[in-house]
């Protein structure tokens, strides 16, 4: 793959992590990748997501934990932004 593209796409992921969670750590960027890919699969191929969930209970629990963490961080970030605007 083109190195320039890879760097530009990684920058997109970092910005996405920042906008959604306020955290740009490599660990959070990796969680955002998982969150985004699983979210896309769940919406566009629900039968595949359901099958995977049924056969990978530990993986399903980890995805759920990541989704809840991203959600909680996003809500906290929005609350902080609302407080700062007032």
PDB file of N, CA and C in Angstrom:
ATOM      1  N   UNK A   1       0.847  -1.178   0.000  1.00  0.00           N
ATOM      2  CA  UNK A   1       0.000   0.000   0.000  1.00  0.00           C
ATOM      3  C   UNK A   1       0.892   1.241   0.000  1.00  0.00           C
ATOM      4  N   UNK A   2       0.380   2.295  -0.535  1.00  0.00           N
ATOM      5  CA  UNK A   2       1.094   3.560  -0.611  1.00  0.00           C
ATOM      6  C   UNK A   2       1.338   4.114   0.796  1.00  0.00           C
ATOM      7  N   UNK A   3       2.600   4.401   1.103  1.00  0.00           N
ATOM      8  CA  UNK A   3       2.968   4.904   2.429  1.00  0.00           C
ATOM      9  C   UNK A   3       2.278   6.225   2.742  1.00  0.00           C
ATOM     10  N   UNK A   4       2.197   7.107   1.759  1.00  0.00           N
ATOM     11  CA  UNK A   4       1.547   8.399   1.984  1.00  0.00           C
ATOM     12  C   UNK A   4       0.080   8.205   2.338  1.00  0.00           C
ATOM     13  N   UNK A   5      -0.590   7.323   1.587  1.00  0.00           N
ATOM     14  CA  UNK A   5      -1.996   7.036   1.883  1.00  0.00           C
ATOM     15  C   UNK A   5      -2.148   6.479   3.294  1.00  0.00           C
ATOM     16  N   UNK A   6      -1.281   5.540   3.663  1.00  0.00           N
ATOM     17  CA  UNK A   6      -1.352   4.923   4.990  1.00  0.00           C
ATOM     18  C   UNK A   6      -1.222   5.978   6.080  1.00  0.00           C
ATOM     19  N   UNK A   7      -0.283   6.902   5.926  1.00  0.00           N
ATOM     20  CA  UNK A   7      -0.099   7.969   6.913  1.00  0.00           C
ATOM     21  C   UNK A   7      -1.308   8.891   6.956  1.00  0.00           C
ATOM     22  N   UNK A   8      -1.840   9.237   5.781  1.00  0.00           N
ATOM     23  CA  UNK A   8      -3.008  10.116   5.735  1.00  0.00           C
ATOM     24  C   UNK A   8      -4.225   9.448   6.364  1.00  0.00           C
ATOM     25  N   UNK A   9      -4.403   8.148   6.104  1.00  0.00           N
ATOM     26  CA  UNK A   9      -5.544   7.439   6.664  1.00  0.00           C
ATOM     27  C   UNK A   9      -5.390   7.289   8.179  1.00  0.00           C
ATOM     28  N   UNK A  10      -4.171   7.042   8.627  1.00  0.00           N
ATOM     29  CA  UNK A  10      -3.919   6.958  10.069  1.00  0.00           C
ATOM     30  C   UNK A  10      -4.250   8.296  10.728  1.00  0.00           C
ATOM     31  N   UNK A  11      -3.907   9.405  10.061  1.00  0.00           N
ATOM     32  CA  UNK A  11      -4.235  10.733  10.593  1.00  0.00           C
ATOM     33  C   UNK A  11      -5.752  10.907  10.685  1.00  0.00           C
ATOM     34  N   UNK A  12      -6.484  10.368   9.712  1.00  0.00           N
ATOM     35  CA  UNK A  12      -7.948  10.414   9.744  1.00  0.00           C
ATOM     36  C   UNK A  12      -8.477   9.650  10.956  1.00  0.00           C
ATOM     37  N   UNK A  13      -7.903   8.499  11.222  1.00  0.00           N
ATOM     38  CA  UNK A  13      -8.324   7.704  12.379  1.00  0.00           C
ATOM     39  C   UNK A  13      -8.015   8.418  13.693  1.00  0.00           C
ATOM     40  N   UNK A  14      -6.862   9.049  13.767  1.00  0.00           N
ATOM     41  CA  UNK A  14      -6.497   9.788  14.977  1.00  0.00           C
ATOM     42  C   UNK A  14      -7.479  10.931  15.197  1.00  0.00           C
ATOM     43  N   UNK A  15      -7.820  11.654  14.129  1.00  0.00           N
ATOM     44  CA  UNK A  15      -8.773  12.768  14.253  1.00  0.00           C
ATOM     45  C   UNK A  15     -10.152  12.247  14.651  1.00  0.00           C
ATOM     46  N   UNK A  16     -10.541  11.120  14.089  1.00  0.00           N
ATOM     47  CA  UNK A  16     -11.827  10.522  14.455  1.00  0.00           C
ATOM     48  C   UNK A  16     -11.848  10.172  15.941  1.00  0.00           C
ATOM     49  N   UNK A  17     -10.776   9.554  16.420  1.00  0.00           N
ATOM     50  CA  UNK A  17     -10.694   9.211  17.843  1.00  0.00           C
ATOM     51  C   UNK A  17     -10.781  10.469  18.694  1.00  0.00           C
ATOM     52  N   UNK A  18     -10.109  11.528  18.267  1.00  0.00           N
ATOM     53  CA  UNK A  18     -10.149  12.783  19.019  1.00  0.00           C
ATOM     54  C   UNK A  18     -11.552  13.368  19.066  1.00  0.00           C
ATOM     55  N   UNK A  19     -12.228  13.393  17.930  1.00  0.00           N
ATOM     56  CA  UNK A  19     -13.559  13.990  17.870  1.00  0.00           C
ATOM     57  C   UNK A  19     -14.603  13.172  18.623  1.00  0.00           C
ATOM     58  N   UNK A  20     -14.437  11.859  18.634  1.00  0.00           N
ATOM     59  CA  UNK A  20     -15.431  11.002  19.281  1.00  0.00           C
ATOM     60  C   UNK A  20     -15.166  10.858  20.777  1.00  0.00           C
ATOM     61  N   UNK A  21     -13.886  10.741  21.161  1.00  0.00           N
ATOM     62  CA  UNK A  21     -13.574  10.430  22.556  1.00  0.00           C
ATOM     63  C   UNK A  21     -12.710  11.475  23.262  1.00  0.00           C
ATOM     64  N   UNK A  22     -12.046  12.315  22.498  1.00  0.00           N
ATOM     65  CA  UNK A  22     -11.110  13.264  23.083  1.00  0.00           C
ATOM     66  C   UNK A  22      -9.753  12.648  23.383  1.00  0.00           C
ATOM     67  N   UNK A  23      -9.544  11.400  23.001  1.00  0.00           N
ATOM     68  CA  UNK A  23      -8.316  10.656  23.288  1.00  0.00           C
ATOM     69  C   UNK A  23      -7.675  10.225  21.977  1.00  0.00           C
ATOM     70  N   UNK A  24      -6.413  10.568  21.773  1.00  0.00           N
ATOM     71  CA  UNK A  24      -5.714  10.198  20.536  1.00  0.00           C
ATOM     72  C   UNK A  24      -4.594   9.195  20.781  1.00  0.00           C
ATOM     73  N   UNK A  25      -4.633   8.501  21.895  1.00  0.00           N
ATOM     74  CA  UNK A  25      -3.595   7.505  22.183  1.00  0.00           C
ATOM     75  C   UNK A  25      -3.675   6.368  21.157  1.00  0.00           C
ATOM     76  N   UNK A  26      -2.557   5.698  20.902  1.00  0.00           N
ATOM     77  CA  UNK A  26      -2.587   4.564  19.965  1.00  0.00           C
ATOM     78  C   UNK A  26      -3.608   3.498  20.367  1.00  0.00           C
ATOM     79  N   UNK A  27      -3.767   3.279  21.672  1.00  0.00           N
ATOM     80  CA  UNK A  27      -4.749   2.295  22.142  1.00  0.00           C
ATOM     81  C   UNK A  27      -6.173   2.721  21.757  1.00  0.00           C
ATOM     82  N   UNK A  28      -6.488   4.015  21.925  1.00  0.00           N
ATOM     83  CA  UNK A  28      -7.826   4.481  21.577  1.00  0.00           C
ATOM     84  C   UNK A  28      -8.046   4.444  20.070  1.00  0.00           C
ATOM     85  N   UNK A  29      -7.021   4.777  19.295  1.00  0.00           N
ATOM     86  CA  UNK A  29      -7.149   4.710  17.834  1.00  0.00           C
ATOM     87  C   UNK A  29      -7.471   3.277  17.419  1.00  0.00           C
ATOM     88  N   UNK A  30      -6.832   2.301  18.047  1.00  0.00           N
ATOM     89  CA  UNK A  30      -7.112   0.896  17.746  1.00  0.00           C
ATOM     90  C   UNK A  30      -8.552   0.536  18.130  1.00  0.00           C
ATOM     91  N   UNK A  31      -9.027   1.043  19.263  1.00  0.00           N
ATOM     92  CA  UNK A  31     -10.415   0.789  19.670  1.00  0.00           C
ATOM     93  C   UNK A  31     -11.393   1.427  18.692  1.00  0.00           C
ATOM     94  N   UNK A  32     -11.063   2.605  18.191  1.00  0.00           N
ATOM     95  CA  UNK A  32     -11.935   3.271  17.213  1.00  0.00           C
ATOM     96  C   UNK A  32     -11.978   2.466  15.920  1.00  0.00           C
ATOM     97  N   UNK A  33     -10.854   1.875  15.513  1.00  0.00           N
ATOM     98  CA  UNK A  33     -10.848   1.007  14.327  1.00  0.00           C
ATOM     99  C   UNK A  33     -11.824  -0.154  14.527  1.00  0.00           C
ATOM    100  N   UNK A  34     -11.717  -0.813  15.675  1.00  0.00           N
ATOM    101  CA  UNK A  34     -12.602  -1.950  15.974  1.00  0.00           C
ATOM    102  C   UNK A  34     -14.049  -1.486  16.026  1.00  0.00           C
ATOM    103  N   UNK A  35     -14.289  -0.386  16.711  1.00  0.00           N
ATOM    104  CA  UNK A  35     -15.636   0.174  16.837  1.00  0.00           C
ATOM    105  C   UNK A  35     -16.233   0.463  15.457  1.00  0.00           C
ATOM    106  N   UNK A  36     -15.467   1.125  14.594  1.00  0.00           N
ATOM    107  CA  UNK A  36     -15.969   1.515  13.277  1.00  0.00           C
ATOM    108  C   UNK A  36     -16.209   0.304  12.378  1.00  0.00           C
ATOM    109  N   UNK A  37     -15.268  -0.619  12.370  1.00  0.00           N
ATOM    110  CA  UNK A  37     -15.419  -1.799  11.507  1.00  0.00           C
ATOM    111  C   UNK A  37     -16.582  -2.665  11.974  1.00  0.00           C
ATOM    112  N   UNK A  38     -16.653  -2.925  13.277  1.00  0.00           N
ATOM    113  CA  UNK A  38     -17.755  -3.754  13.771  1.00  0.00           C
ATOM    114  C   UNK A  38     -19.098  -3.064  13.532  1.00  0.00           C
ATOM    115  N   UNK A  39     -19.143  -1.754  13.767  1.00  0.00           N
ATOM    116  CA  UNK A  39     -20.376  -1.003  13.545  1.00  0.00           C
ATOM    117  C   UNK A  39     -20.820  -1.129  12.083  1.00  0.00           C
ATOM    118  N   UNK A  40     -19.877  -1.036  11.169  1.00  0.00           N
ATOM    119  CA  UNK A  40     -20.216  -1.166   9.742  1.00  0.00           C
ATOM    120  C   UNK A  40     -20.714  -2.580   9.430  1.00  0.00           C
ATOM    121  N   UNK A  41     -20.008  -3.588   9.938  1.00  0.00           N
ATOM    122  CA  UNK A  41     -20.422  -4.973   9.686  1.00  0.00           C
ATOM    123  C   UNK A  41     -21.802  -5.223  10.277  1.00  0.00           C
ATOM    124  N   UNK A  42     -22.033  -4.749  11.494  1.00  0.00           N
ATOM    125  CA  UNK A  42     -23.320  -4.952  12.162  1.00  0.00           C
ATOM    126  C   UNK A  42     -24.464  -4.347  11.354  1.00  0.00           C
ATOM    127  N   UNK A  43     -24.225  -3.181  10.747  1.00  0.00           N
ATOM    128  CA  UNK A  43     -25.280  -2.508   9.979  1.00  0.00           C
ATOM    129  C   UNK A  43     -25.437  -3.069   8.570  1.00  0.00           C
ATOM    130  N   UNK A  44     -24.335  -3.428   7.916  1.00  0.00           N
ATOM    131  CA  UNK A  44     -24.429  -3.845   6.522  1.00  0.00           C
ATOM    132  C   UNK A  44     -24.530  -5.357   6.340  1.00  0.00           C
ATOM    133  N   UNK A  45     -24.038  -6.121   7.303  1.00  0.00           N
ATOM    134  CA  UNK A  45     -24.103  -7.581   7.229  1.00  0.00           C
ATOM    135  C   UNK A  45     -24.546  -8.148   8.584  1.00  0.00           C
ATOM    136  N   UNK A  46     -25.799  -7.861   8.971  1.00  0.00           N
ATOM    137  CA  UNK A  46     -26.239  -8.260  10.314  1.00  0.00           C
ATOM    138  C   UNK A  46     -26.182  -9.761  10.567  1.00  0.00           C
ATOM    139  N   UNK A  47     -26.415 -10.574   9.554  1.00  0.00           N
ATOM    140  CA  UNK A  47     -26.361 -12.023   9.761  1.00  0.00           C
ATOM    141  C   UNK A  47     -24.943 -12.465  10.098  1.00  0.00           C
ATOM    142  N   UNK A  48     -23.949 -11.869   9.455  1.00  0.00           N
ATOM    143  CA  UNK A  48     -22.556 -12.196   9.757  1.00  0.00           C
ATOM    144  C   UNK A  48     -22.208 -11.780  11.179  1.00  0.00           C
ATOM    145  N   UNK A  49     -22.608 -10.595  11.571  1.00  0.00           N
ATOM    146  CA  UNK A  49     -22.336 -10.123  12.932  1.00  0.00           C
ATOM    147  C   UNK A  49     -23.007 -11.039  13.955  1.00  0.00           C
ATOM    148  N   UNK A  50     -24.234 -11.428  13.685  1.00  0.00           N
ATOM    149  CA  UNK A  50     -24.965 -12.311  14.600  1.00  0.00           C
ATOM    150  C   UNK A  50     -24.277 -13.667  14.710  1.00  0.00           C
ATOM    151  N   UNK A  51     -23.869 -14.213  13.583  1.00  0.00           N
ATOM    152  CA  UNK A  51     -23.180 -15.505  13.590  1.00  0.00           C
ATOM    153  C   UNK A  51     -21.876 -15.405  14.382  1.00  0.00           C
ATOM    154  N   UNK A  52     -21.115 -14.348  14.145  1.00  0.00           N
ATOM    155  CA  UNK A  52     -19.853 -14.155  14.860  1.00  0.00           C
ATOM    156  C   UNK A  52     -20.102 -14.028  16.361  1.00  0.00           C
ATOM    157  N   UNK A  53     -21.122 -13.263  16.727  1.00  0.00           N
ATOM    158  CA  UNK A  53     -21.466 -13.094  18.143  1.00  0.00           C
ATOM    159  C   UNK A  53     -21.779 -14.430  18.807  1.00  0.00           C
ATOM    160  N   UNK A  54     -22.488 -15.298  18.080  1.00  0.00           N
ATOM    161  CA  UNK A  54     -22.882 -16.593  18.634  1.00  0.00           C
ATOM    162  C   UNK A  54     -21.697 -17.540  18.788  1.00  0.00           C
ATOM    163  N   UNK A  55     -20.711 -17.398  17.917  1.00  0.00           N
ATOM    164  CA  UNK A  55     -19.578 -18.333  17.950  1.00  0.00           C
ATOM    165  C   UNK A  55     -18.360 -17.783  18.682  1.00  0.00           C
ATOM    166  N   UNK A  56     -18.389 -16.519  19.043  1.00  0.00           N
ATOM    167  CA  UNK A  56     -17.243 -15.901  19.717  1.00  0.00           C
ATOM    168  C   UNK A  56     -17.724 -15.088  20.918  1.00  0.00           C
ATOM    169  N   UNK A  57     -18.116 -15.770  21.962  1.00  0.00           N
ATOM    170  CA  UNK A  57     -18.690 -15.093  23.132  1.00  0.00           C
ATOM    171  C   UNK A  57     -17.699 -14.124  23.783  1.00  0.00           C
ATOM    172  N   UNK A  58     -16.445 -14.500  23.874  1.00  0.00           N
ATOM    173  CA  UNK A  58     -15.440 -13.624  24.485  1.00  0.00           C
ATOM    174  C   UNK A  58     -15.224 -12.392  23.614  1.00  0.00           C
ATOM    175  N   UNK A  59     -15.145 -12.601  22.302  1.00  0.00           N
ATOM    176  CA  UNK A  59     -14.991 -11.482  21.374  1.00  0.00           C
ATOM    177  C   UNK A  59     -16.184 -10.548  21.422  1.00  0.00           C
ATOM    178  N   UNK A  60     -17.369 -11.125  21.497  1.00  0.00           N
ATOM    179  CA  UNK A  60     -18.585 -10.308  21.592  1.00  0.00           C
ATOM    180  C   UNK A  60     -18.547  -9.450  22.852  1.00  0.00           C
ATOM    181  N   UNK A  61     -18.123 -10.026  23.958  1.00  0.00           N
ATOM    182  CA  UNK A  61     -18.045  -9.265  25.216  1.00  0.00           C
ATOM    183  C   UNK A  61     -17.022  -8.143  25.109  1.00  0.00           C
ATOM    184  N   UNK A  62     -15.907  -8.394  24.439  1.00  0.00           N
ATOM    185  CA  UNK A  62     -14.877  -7.366  24.278  1.00  0.00           C
ATOM    186  C   UNK A  62     -15.375  -6.234  23.374  1.00  0.00           C
ATOM    187  N   UNK A  63     -16.064  -6.591  22.296  1.00  0.00           N
ATOM    188  CA  UNK A  63     -16.631  -5.557  21.420  1.00  0.00           C
ATOM    189  C   UNK A  63     -17.639  -4.723  22.200  1.00  0.00           C
ATOM    190  N   UNK A  64     -18.459  -5.353  22.986  1.00  0.00           N
ATOM    191  CA  UNK A  64     -19.444  -4.625  23.804  1.00  0.00           C
ATOM    192  C   UNK A  64     -18.740  -3.669  24.771  1.00  0.00           C
ATOM    193  N   UNK A  65     -17.663  -4.144  25.401  1.00  0.00           N
ATOM    194  CA  UNK A  65     -16.904  -3.304  26.325  1.00  0.00           C
ATOM    195  C   UNK A  65     -16.320  -2.091  25.595  1.00  0.00           C
ATOM    196  N   UNK A  66     -15.797  -2.316  24.399  1.00  0.00           N
ATOM    197  CA  UNK A  66     -15.242  -1.211  23.607  1.00  0.00           C
ATOM    198  C   UNK A  66     -16.348  -0.229  23.233  1.00  0.00           C
ATOM    199  N   UNK A  67     -17.496  -0.734  22.782  1.00  0.00           N
ATOM    200  CA  UNK A  67     -18.614   0.145  22.420  1.00  0.00           C
ATOM    201  C   UNK A  67     -19.049   0.982  23.616  1.00  0.00           C
ATOM    202  N   UNK A  68     -19.143   0.354  24.786  1.00  0.00           N
ATOM    203  CA  UNK A  68     -19.561   1.090  25.986  1.00  0.00           C
ATOM    204  C   UNK A  68     -18.519   2.132  26.381  1.00  0.00           C
ATOM    205  N   UNK A  69     -17.245   1.803  26.252  1.00  0.00           N
ATOM    206  CA  UNK A  69     -16.187   2.759  26.578  1.00  0.00           C
ATOM    207  C   UNK A  69     -16.227   3.958  25.627  1.00  0.00           C
ATOM    208  N   UNK A  70     -16.365   3.692  24.326  1.00  0.00           N
ATOM    209  CA  UNK A  70     -16.443   4.775  23.342  1.00  0.00           C
ATOM    210  C   UNK A  70     -17.669   5.637  23.613  1.00  0.00           C
ATOM    211  N   UNK A  71     -18.800   5.004  23.890  1.00  0.00           N
ATOM    212  CA  UNK A  71     -20.025   5.745  24.193  1.00  0.00           C
ATOM    213  C   UNK A  71     -19.847   6.634  25.423  1.00  0.00           C
ATOM    214  N   UNK A  72     -19.297   6.070  26.480  1.00  0.00           N
ATOM    215  CA  UNK A  72     -19.114   6.828  27.724  1.00  0.00           C
ATOM    216  C   UNK A  72     -18.152   7.998  27.526  1.00  0.00           C
ATOM    217  N   UNK A  73     -17.060   7.763  26.816  1.00  0.00           N
ATOM    218  CA  UNK A  73     -16.110   8.841  26.546  1.00  0.00           C
ATOM    219  C   UNK A  73     -16.734   9.928  25.684  1.00  0.00           C
ATOM    220  N   UNK A  74     -17.544   9.512  24.704  1.00  0.00           N
ATOM    221  CA  UNK A  74     -18.206  10.489  23.839  1.00  0.00           C
ATOM    222  C   UNK A  74     -19.197  11.333  24.632  1.00  0.00           C
ATOM    223  N   UNK A  75     -19.966  10.710  25.511  1.00  0.00           N
ATOM    224  CA  UNK A  75     -20.917  11.457  26.333  1.00  0.00           C
ATOM    225  C   UNK A  75     -20.201  12.428  27.268  1.00  0.00           C
ATOM    226  N   UNK A  76     -19.083  11.995  27.848  1.00  0.00           N
ATOM    227  CA  UNK A  76     -18.308  12.869  28.730  1.00  0.00           C
ATOM    228  C   UNK A  76     -17.721  14.039  27.951  1.00  0.00           C
ATOM    229  N   UNK A  77     -17.239  13.770  26.746  1.00  0.00           N
ATOM    230  CA  UNK A  77     -16.680  14.829  25.909  1.00  0.00           C
ATOM    231  C   UNK A  77     -17.753  15.846  25.534  1.00  0.00           C
ATOM    232  N   UNK A  78     -18.934  15.364  25.161  1.00  0.00           N
ATOM    233  CA  UNK A  78     -20.038  16.269  24.822  1.00  0.00           C
ATOM    234  C   UNK A  78     -20.458  17.100  26.028  1.00  0.00           C
ATOM    235  N   UNK A  79     -20.513  16.481  27.195  1.00  0.00           N
ATOM    236  CA  UNK A  79     -20.887  17.205  28.410  1.00  0.00           C
ATOM    237  C   UNK A  79     -19.859  18.283  28.731  1.00  0.00           C
ATOM    238  N   UNK A  80     -18.586  17.965  28.576  1.00  0.00           N
ATOM    239  CA  UNK A  80     -17.529  18.943  28.841  1.00  0.00           C
ATOM    240  C   UNK A  80     -17.599  20.100  27.848  1.00  0.00           C
ATOM    241  N   UNK A  81     -17.886  19.782  26.588  1.00  0.00           N
ATOM    242  CA  UNK A  81     -18.005  20.826  25.568  1.00  0.00           C
ATOM    243  C   UNK A  81     -19.192  21.730  25.843  1.00  0.00           C
ATOM    244  N   UNK A  82     -20.301  21.150  26.282  1.00  0.00           N
ATOM    245  CA  UNK A  82     -21.495  21.928  26.615  1.00  0.00           C
ATOM    246  C   UNK A  82     -21.205  22.838  27.794  1.00  0.00           C
ATOM    247  N   UNK A  83     -20.517  22.315  28.791  1.00  0.00           N
ATOM    248  CA  UNK A  83     -20.167  23.109  29.973  1.00  0.00           C
ATOM    249  C   UNK A  83     -19.229  24.257  29.595  1.00  0.00           C
ATOM    250  N   UNK A  84     -18.294  24.021  28.729  1.00  0.00           N
ATOM    251  CA  UNK A  84     -17.342  25.045  28.303  1.00  0.00           C
ATOM    252  C   UNK A  84     -18.005  26.124  27.470  1.00  0.00           C
ATOM    253  N   UNK A  85     -19.086  25.799  26.765  1.00  0.00           N
ATOM    254  CA  UNK A  85     -19.770  26.773  25.916  1.00  0.00           C
ATOM    255  C   UNK A  85     -20.676  27.694  26.729  1.00  0.00           C
ATOM    256  N   UNK A  86     -21.017  27.293  27.925  1.00  0.00           N
ATOM    257  CA  UNK A  86     -21.938  28.089  28.740  1.00  0.00           C
ATOM    258  C   UNK A  86     -21.248  29.140  29.518  1.00  0.00           C
TER     259      UNK A  86
END
